[in-house]
Amino acid sequence: MGAIGNVKNYERYQLELIANEYASNGFEVLFETALPGSNIFFDAIARRRSDDQLVLIELVSARLTEKQIIARRRSISEAALKFPTALVDFRYIDDNSQALLSVSHNRSRSVRLKQLESLLSEKLPIVKGKPFDAAKEILFLWASYSSLLRGYGYWLKHPECETIILLDLYNDMLRCGFLKPPEKIMDGLEFDIFSLHDAVIASTQGAIVAMTYVIQLRGHYQSLRKQVKSRIRLHKPREKFQW
């Protein structure tokens, strides 16, 4: 399977989480589908047959263009006329671009490349295995993992490596063949980076996460380091990176 086939789209992942949420409440969910008897499309549509409740689900983000916003407003207006009892569920996905721009202290080439070199040369952190330390360890690993991924993106001359949401950067690298999913090539890894990202977010909210997530993230970090080292070692001076 090629790089494109390995991509797990972040928005699709968000829709799957939303679908699970609705399914637990008795809904059937269809992705990227049109309303019955119309050409009005939504990111997802949930329907519960027991009471015929219909919910139109739309993902929105700061990246939407004015044209896209107008088109979505038109779709919702048309849907309201045809299905006046339908509910609309907007789910906002924040790409964090402004936050990254405002808090990032120094994005100079020398600093980013020195950080990349340091992350590739230092020893892998040891997992202590104490449940009450799991959140602390997973956050430390995530900081190293995300910095390494952005540093790699910088080295590959990704045009938005400093501002793009991290999982989108990861997807871009899969799509262009600069990375392979660790869970596909490394024994013992069962979770993908999206599931591990959920555990990281939970840790920032004070959750006591299972040590399994720490071990799995360490494996992803180890695989990322290995792939980056290999790519840099085989790099040809005049090689151009296509995004």
Protein backbone atom coordinates (compact mmCIF):
# COMPACT_ATOMS: atom_id res chain seq x y z
CA MET A 1 0.00 0.00 0.00
CA GLY A 2 1.36 3.43 -0.94
CA ALA A 3 1.82 6.45 1.28
CA ILE A 4 -1.59 7.87 0.37
CA GLY A 5 -3.27 4.62 1.38
CA ASN A 6 -1.62 4.85 4.80
CA VAL A 7 -2.94 8.32 5.58
CA LYS A 8 -5.48 8.50 8.37
CA ASN A 9 -7.20 11.80 7.81
CA TYR A 10 -7.49 13.86 10.97
CA GLU A 11 -10.96 15.17 10.14
CA ARG A 12 -12.14 11.65 9.41
CA TYR A 13 -10.76 10.62 12.77
CA GLN A 14 -12.75 13.39 14.46
CA LEU A 15 -15.88 12.25 12.64
CA GLU A 16 -15.33 8.69 13.83
CA LEU A 17 -15.18 9.92 17.43
CA ILE A 18 -18.40 11.88 16.92
CA ALA A 19 -20.03 8.84 15.30
CA ASN A 20 -19.16 6.72 18.34
CA GLU A 21 -20.69 9.36 20.57
CA TYR A 22 -23.96 9.34 18.61
CA ALA A 23 -23.99 5.55 18.21
CA SER A 24 -23.91 5.20 22.00
CA ASN A 25 -27.19 7.14 22.02
CA GLY A 26 -28.90 4.94 19.45
CA PHE A 27 -28.07 6.86 16.28
CA GLU A 28 -26.92 5.55 12.92
CA VAL A 29 -24.25 7.77 11.37
CA LEU A 30 -23.30 8.22 7.71
CA PHE A 31 -20.22 10.18 6.64
CA GLU A 32 -20.07 12.77 3.85
CA THR A 33 -23.58 12.03 2.68
CA ALA A 34 -26.54 13.93 1.27
CA LEU A 35 -29.89 14.45 2.92
CA PRO A 36 -32.56 12.05 1.59
CA GLY A 37 -34.02 13.28 -1.68
CA SER A 38 -31.60 16.20 -2.04
CA ASN A 39 -28.11 17.22 -3.11
CA ILE A 40 -27.35 18.87 0.23
CA PHE A 41 -24.20 17.30 1.67
CA PHE A 42 -22.91 17.36 5.24
CA ASP A 43 -19.78 15.99 6.90
CA ALA A 44 -22.01 13.47 8.65
CA ILE A 45 -25.69 12.80 9.26
CA ALA A 46 -26.98 10.99 12.35
CA ARG A 47 -30.46 9.48 12.52
CA ARG A 48 -32.21 7.69 15.36
CA ARG A 49 -35.03 5.52 14.09
CA SER A 50 -36.80 5.15 17.44
CA ASP A 51 -37.94 8.80 17.39
CA ASP A 52 -36.82 9.76 13.85
CA GLN A 53 -34.43 12.37 15.25
CA LEU A 54 -32.11 13.79 12.58
CA VAL A 55 -28.82 15.56 13.33
CA LEU A 56 -26.69 17.31 10.71
CA ILE A 57 -23.01 17.31 11.69
CA GLU A 58 -20.51 19.82 10.34
CA LEU A 59 -16.82 20.26 11.16
CA VAL A 60 -15.70 23.88 11.16
CA SER A 61 -12.30 25.49 11.62
CA ALA A 62 -10.48 28.77 11.17
CA ARG A 63 -9.21 27.45 7.83
CA LEU A 64 -12.61 27.71 6.14
CA THR A 65 -12.64 30.22 3.31
CA GLU A 66 -15.40 32.80 2.90
CA LYS A 67 -16.70 30.83 -0.07
CA GLN A 68 -16.90 27.64 2.01
CA ILE A 69 -18.68 29.46 4.84
CA ILE A 70 -21.29 30.86 2.44
CA ALA A 71 -21.83 27.41 0.91
CA ARG A 72 -22.36 25.84 4.34
CA ARG A 73 -24.81 28.53 5.38
CA ARG A 74 -26.77 27.92 2.19
CA SER A 75 -26.83 24.16 2.81
CA ILE A 76 -28.08 24.61 6.37
CA SER A 77 -30.80 27.03 5.24
CA GLU A 78 -31.99 24.61 2.56
CA ALA A 79 -31.90 21.70 5.00
CA ALA A 80 -33.97 23.66 7.53
CA LEU A 81 -36.70 24.15 4.94
CA LYS A 82 -36.82 20.46 4.02
CA PHE A 83 -36.29 19.07 7.54
CA PRO A 84 -37.48 21.71 10.03
CA THR A 85 -37.09 19.41 13.07
CA ALA A 86 -33.48 18.47 12.27
CA LEU A 87 -30.75 19.57 14.67
CA VAL A 88 -27.36 20.95 13.58
CA ASP A 89 -24.22 19.95 15.47
CA PHE A 90 -21.21 22.16 14.73
CA ARG A 91 -17.86 20.76 15.87
CA TYR A 92 -15.01 23.23 15.86
CA ILE A 93 -11.51 21.96 15.07
CA ASP A 94 -8.88 24.45 16.18
CA ASP A 95 -5.72 24.21 14.10
CA ASN A 96 -3.82 26.16 16.78
CA SER A 97 -1.97 28.24 14.17
CA GLN A 98 -2.42 31.52 16.00
CA ALA A 99 -1.47 29.98 19.33
CA LEU A 100 1.70 28.55 17.83
CA LEU A 101 2.60 31.89 16.30
CA SER A 102 1.97 33.84 19.50
CA VAL A 103 3.83 31.63 21.99
CA SER A 104 6.69 30.32 19.88
CA HIS A 105 9.69 32.30 21.14
CA ASN A 106 12.28 31.58 18.50
CA ARG A 107 11.68 29.92 15.15
CA SER A 108 15.07 30.61 13.60
CA ARG A 109 16.66 27.97 11.41
CA SER A 110 19.67 27.51 13.68
CA VAL A 111 17.59 26.93 16.83
CA ARG A 112 15.24 24.44 15.17
CA LEU A 113 18.08 22.46 13.57
CA LYS A 114 20.09 22.40 16.81
CA GLN A 115 17.04 21.05 18.60
CA LEU A 116 16.61 18.40 15.89
CA GLU A 117 20.24 17.35 16.25
CA SER A 118 19.90 17.15 20.03
CA LEU A 119 16.73 15.04 19.91
CA LEU A 120 18.36 12.58 17.52
CA SER A 121 21.52 12.20 19.58
CA GLU A 122 20.18 11.96 23.13
CA LYS A 123 19.23 8.64 24.71
CA LEU A 124 15.66 7.44 24.61
CA PRO A 125 13.89 8.13 27.92
CA ILE A 126 13.41 5.13 30.19
CA VAL A 127 9.84 4.26 31.16
CA LYS A 128 9.69 3.96 34.95
CA GLY A 129 6.49 1.94 34.96
CA LYS A 130 4.88 3.69 37.93
CA PRO A 131 1.17 4.35 37.27
CA PHE A 132 1.16 7.67 39.15
CA ASP A 133 4.01 8.89 36.92
CA ALA A 134 2.31 7.90 33.65
CA ALA A 135 0.84 11.34 32.89
CA LYS A 136 4.17 13.05 33.57
CA GLU A 137 6.04 10.58 31.37
CA ILE A 138 3.61 10.71 28.46
CA LEU A 139 3.72 14.52 28.42
CA PHE A 140 7.52 14.50 28.43
CA LEU A 141 7.55 11.99 25.56
CA TRP A 142 4.98 13.99 23.61
CA ALA A 143 7.03 17.18 23.94
CA SER A 144 10.04 15.36 22.49
CA TYR A 145 8.00 13.61 19.80
CA SER A 146 6.23 16.77 18.61
CA SER A 147 9.46 18.81 18.61
CA LEU A 148 11.21 16.11 16.60
CA LEU A 149 8.35 15.93 14.09
CA ARG A 150 8.37 19.71 13.60
CA GLY A 151 12.16 19.72 13.34
CA TYR A 152 11.94 17.02 10.68
CA GLY A 153 9.30 19.08 8.90
CA TYR A 154 11.64 22.07 9.01
CA TRP A 155 14.49 19.99 7.60
CA LEU A 156 12.16 18.78 4.83
CA LYS A 157 11.21 22.42 4.11
CA HIS A 158 7.51 21.95 4.83
CA PRO A 159 5.98 25.40 4.14
CA GLU A 160 3.87 25.40 7.33
CA CYS A 161 5.97 23.26 9.66
CA GLU A 162 5.88 25.86 12.46
CA THR A 163 2.15 26.61 12.39
CA ILE A 164 0.29 23.58 11.05
CA ILE A 165 -1.50 21.37 13.56
CA LEU A 166 0.84 18.52 14.45
CA LEU A 167 -1.41 15.69 13.25
CA ASP A 168 -1.86 17.45 9.90
CA LEU A 169 1.92 17.67 9.59
CA TYR A 170 2.11 13.95 10.36
CA ASN A 171 -0.50 13.24 7.67
CA ASP A 172 1.42 15.33 5.14
CA MET A 173 4.55 13.30 5.83
CA LEU A 174 2.66 10.04 5.33
CA ARG A 175 1.08 11.30 2.12
CA CYS A 176 4.42 12.38 0.65
CA GLY A 177 6.26 9.25 1.73
CA PHE A 178 8.56 10.92 4.27
CA LEU A 179 7.22 8.70 7.07
CA LYS A 180 5.66 5.29 7.52
CA PRO A 181 3.13 4.62 10.30
CA PRO A 182 5.13 3.07 13.17
CA GLU A 183 2.27 0.72 14.07
CA LYS A 184 2.58 -0.76 10.56
CA ILE A 185 6.33 -1.39 10.62
CA MET A 186 7.28 -1.92 14.27
CA ASP A 187 6.44 -5.01 16.31
CA GLY A 188 4.55 -4.46 19.52
CA LEU A 189 2.83 -1.23 18.49
CA GLU A 190 -0.96 -1.42 18.39
CA PHE A 191 -2.05 2.22 18.84
CA ASP A 192 -1.76 4.84 16.12
CA ILE A 193 -0.61 8.37 16.87
CA PHE A 194 -4.20 9.64 16.91
CA SER A 195 -5.18 7.37 19.80
CA LEU A 196 -2.02 8.37 21.65
CA HIS A 197 -2.81 12.03 21.06
CA ASP A 198 -6.11 11.48 22.89
CA ALA A 199 -4.20 10.04 25.85
CA VAL A 200 -1.90 13.07 25.86
CA ILE A 201 -4.86 15.46 25.89
CA ALA A 202 -6.42 13.47 28.74
CA SER A 203 -3.16 13.76 30.67
CA THR A 204 -3.19 17.54 30.37
CA GLN A 205 -6.63 17.45 32.02
CA GLY A 206 -5.39 15.51 35.03
CA ALA A 207 -6.40 12.02 33.92
CA ILE A 208 -4.54 9.00 35.28
CA VAL A 209 -3.61 7.25 32.04
CA ALA A 210 -2.62 3.62 31.63
CA MET A 211 1.10 2.91 31.40
CA THR A 212 0.37 1.15 28.10
CA TYR A 213 -0.01 4.56 26.43
CA VAL A 214 3.40 5.65 27.67
CA ILE A 215 5.05 2.50 26.32
CA GLN A 216 3.27 2.82 22.98
CA LEU A 217 4.23 6.49 22.59
CA ARG A 218 7.84 5.66 23.41
CA GLY A 219 7.72 3.12 20.56
CA HIS A 220 6.36 5.76 18.18
CA TYR A 221 9.09 8.17 19.24
CA GLN A 222 11.72 5.49 18.76
CA SER A 223 10.41 4.70 15.27
CA LEU A 224 10.26 8.39 14.34
CA ARG A 225 13.87 8.90 15.41
CA LYS A 226 14.98 5.89 13.39
CA GLN A 227 13.13 7.03 10.25
CA VAL A 228 14.40 10.60 10.52
CA LYS A 229 18.01 9.47 11.02
CA SER A 230 17.75 7.18 8.01
CA ARG A 231 16.28 9.91 5.82
CA ILE A 232 18.94 12.44 6.80
CA ARG A 233 21.74 9.92 6.30
CA LEU A 234 20.54 9.05 2.78
CA HIS A 235 19.82 12.66 1.81
CA LYS A 236 21.34 13.92 -1.43
CA PRO A 237 22.53 17.57 -1.34
CA ARG A 238 20.43 18.67 -4.31
CA GLU A 239 17.36 16.62 -3.45
CA LYS A 240 14.13 18.62 -3.58
CA PHE A 241 11.21 17.80 -1.30
CA GLN A 242 7.78 17.88 -2.92
CA TRP A 243 4.78 18.81 -0.76
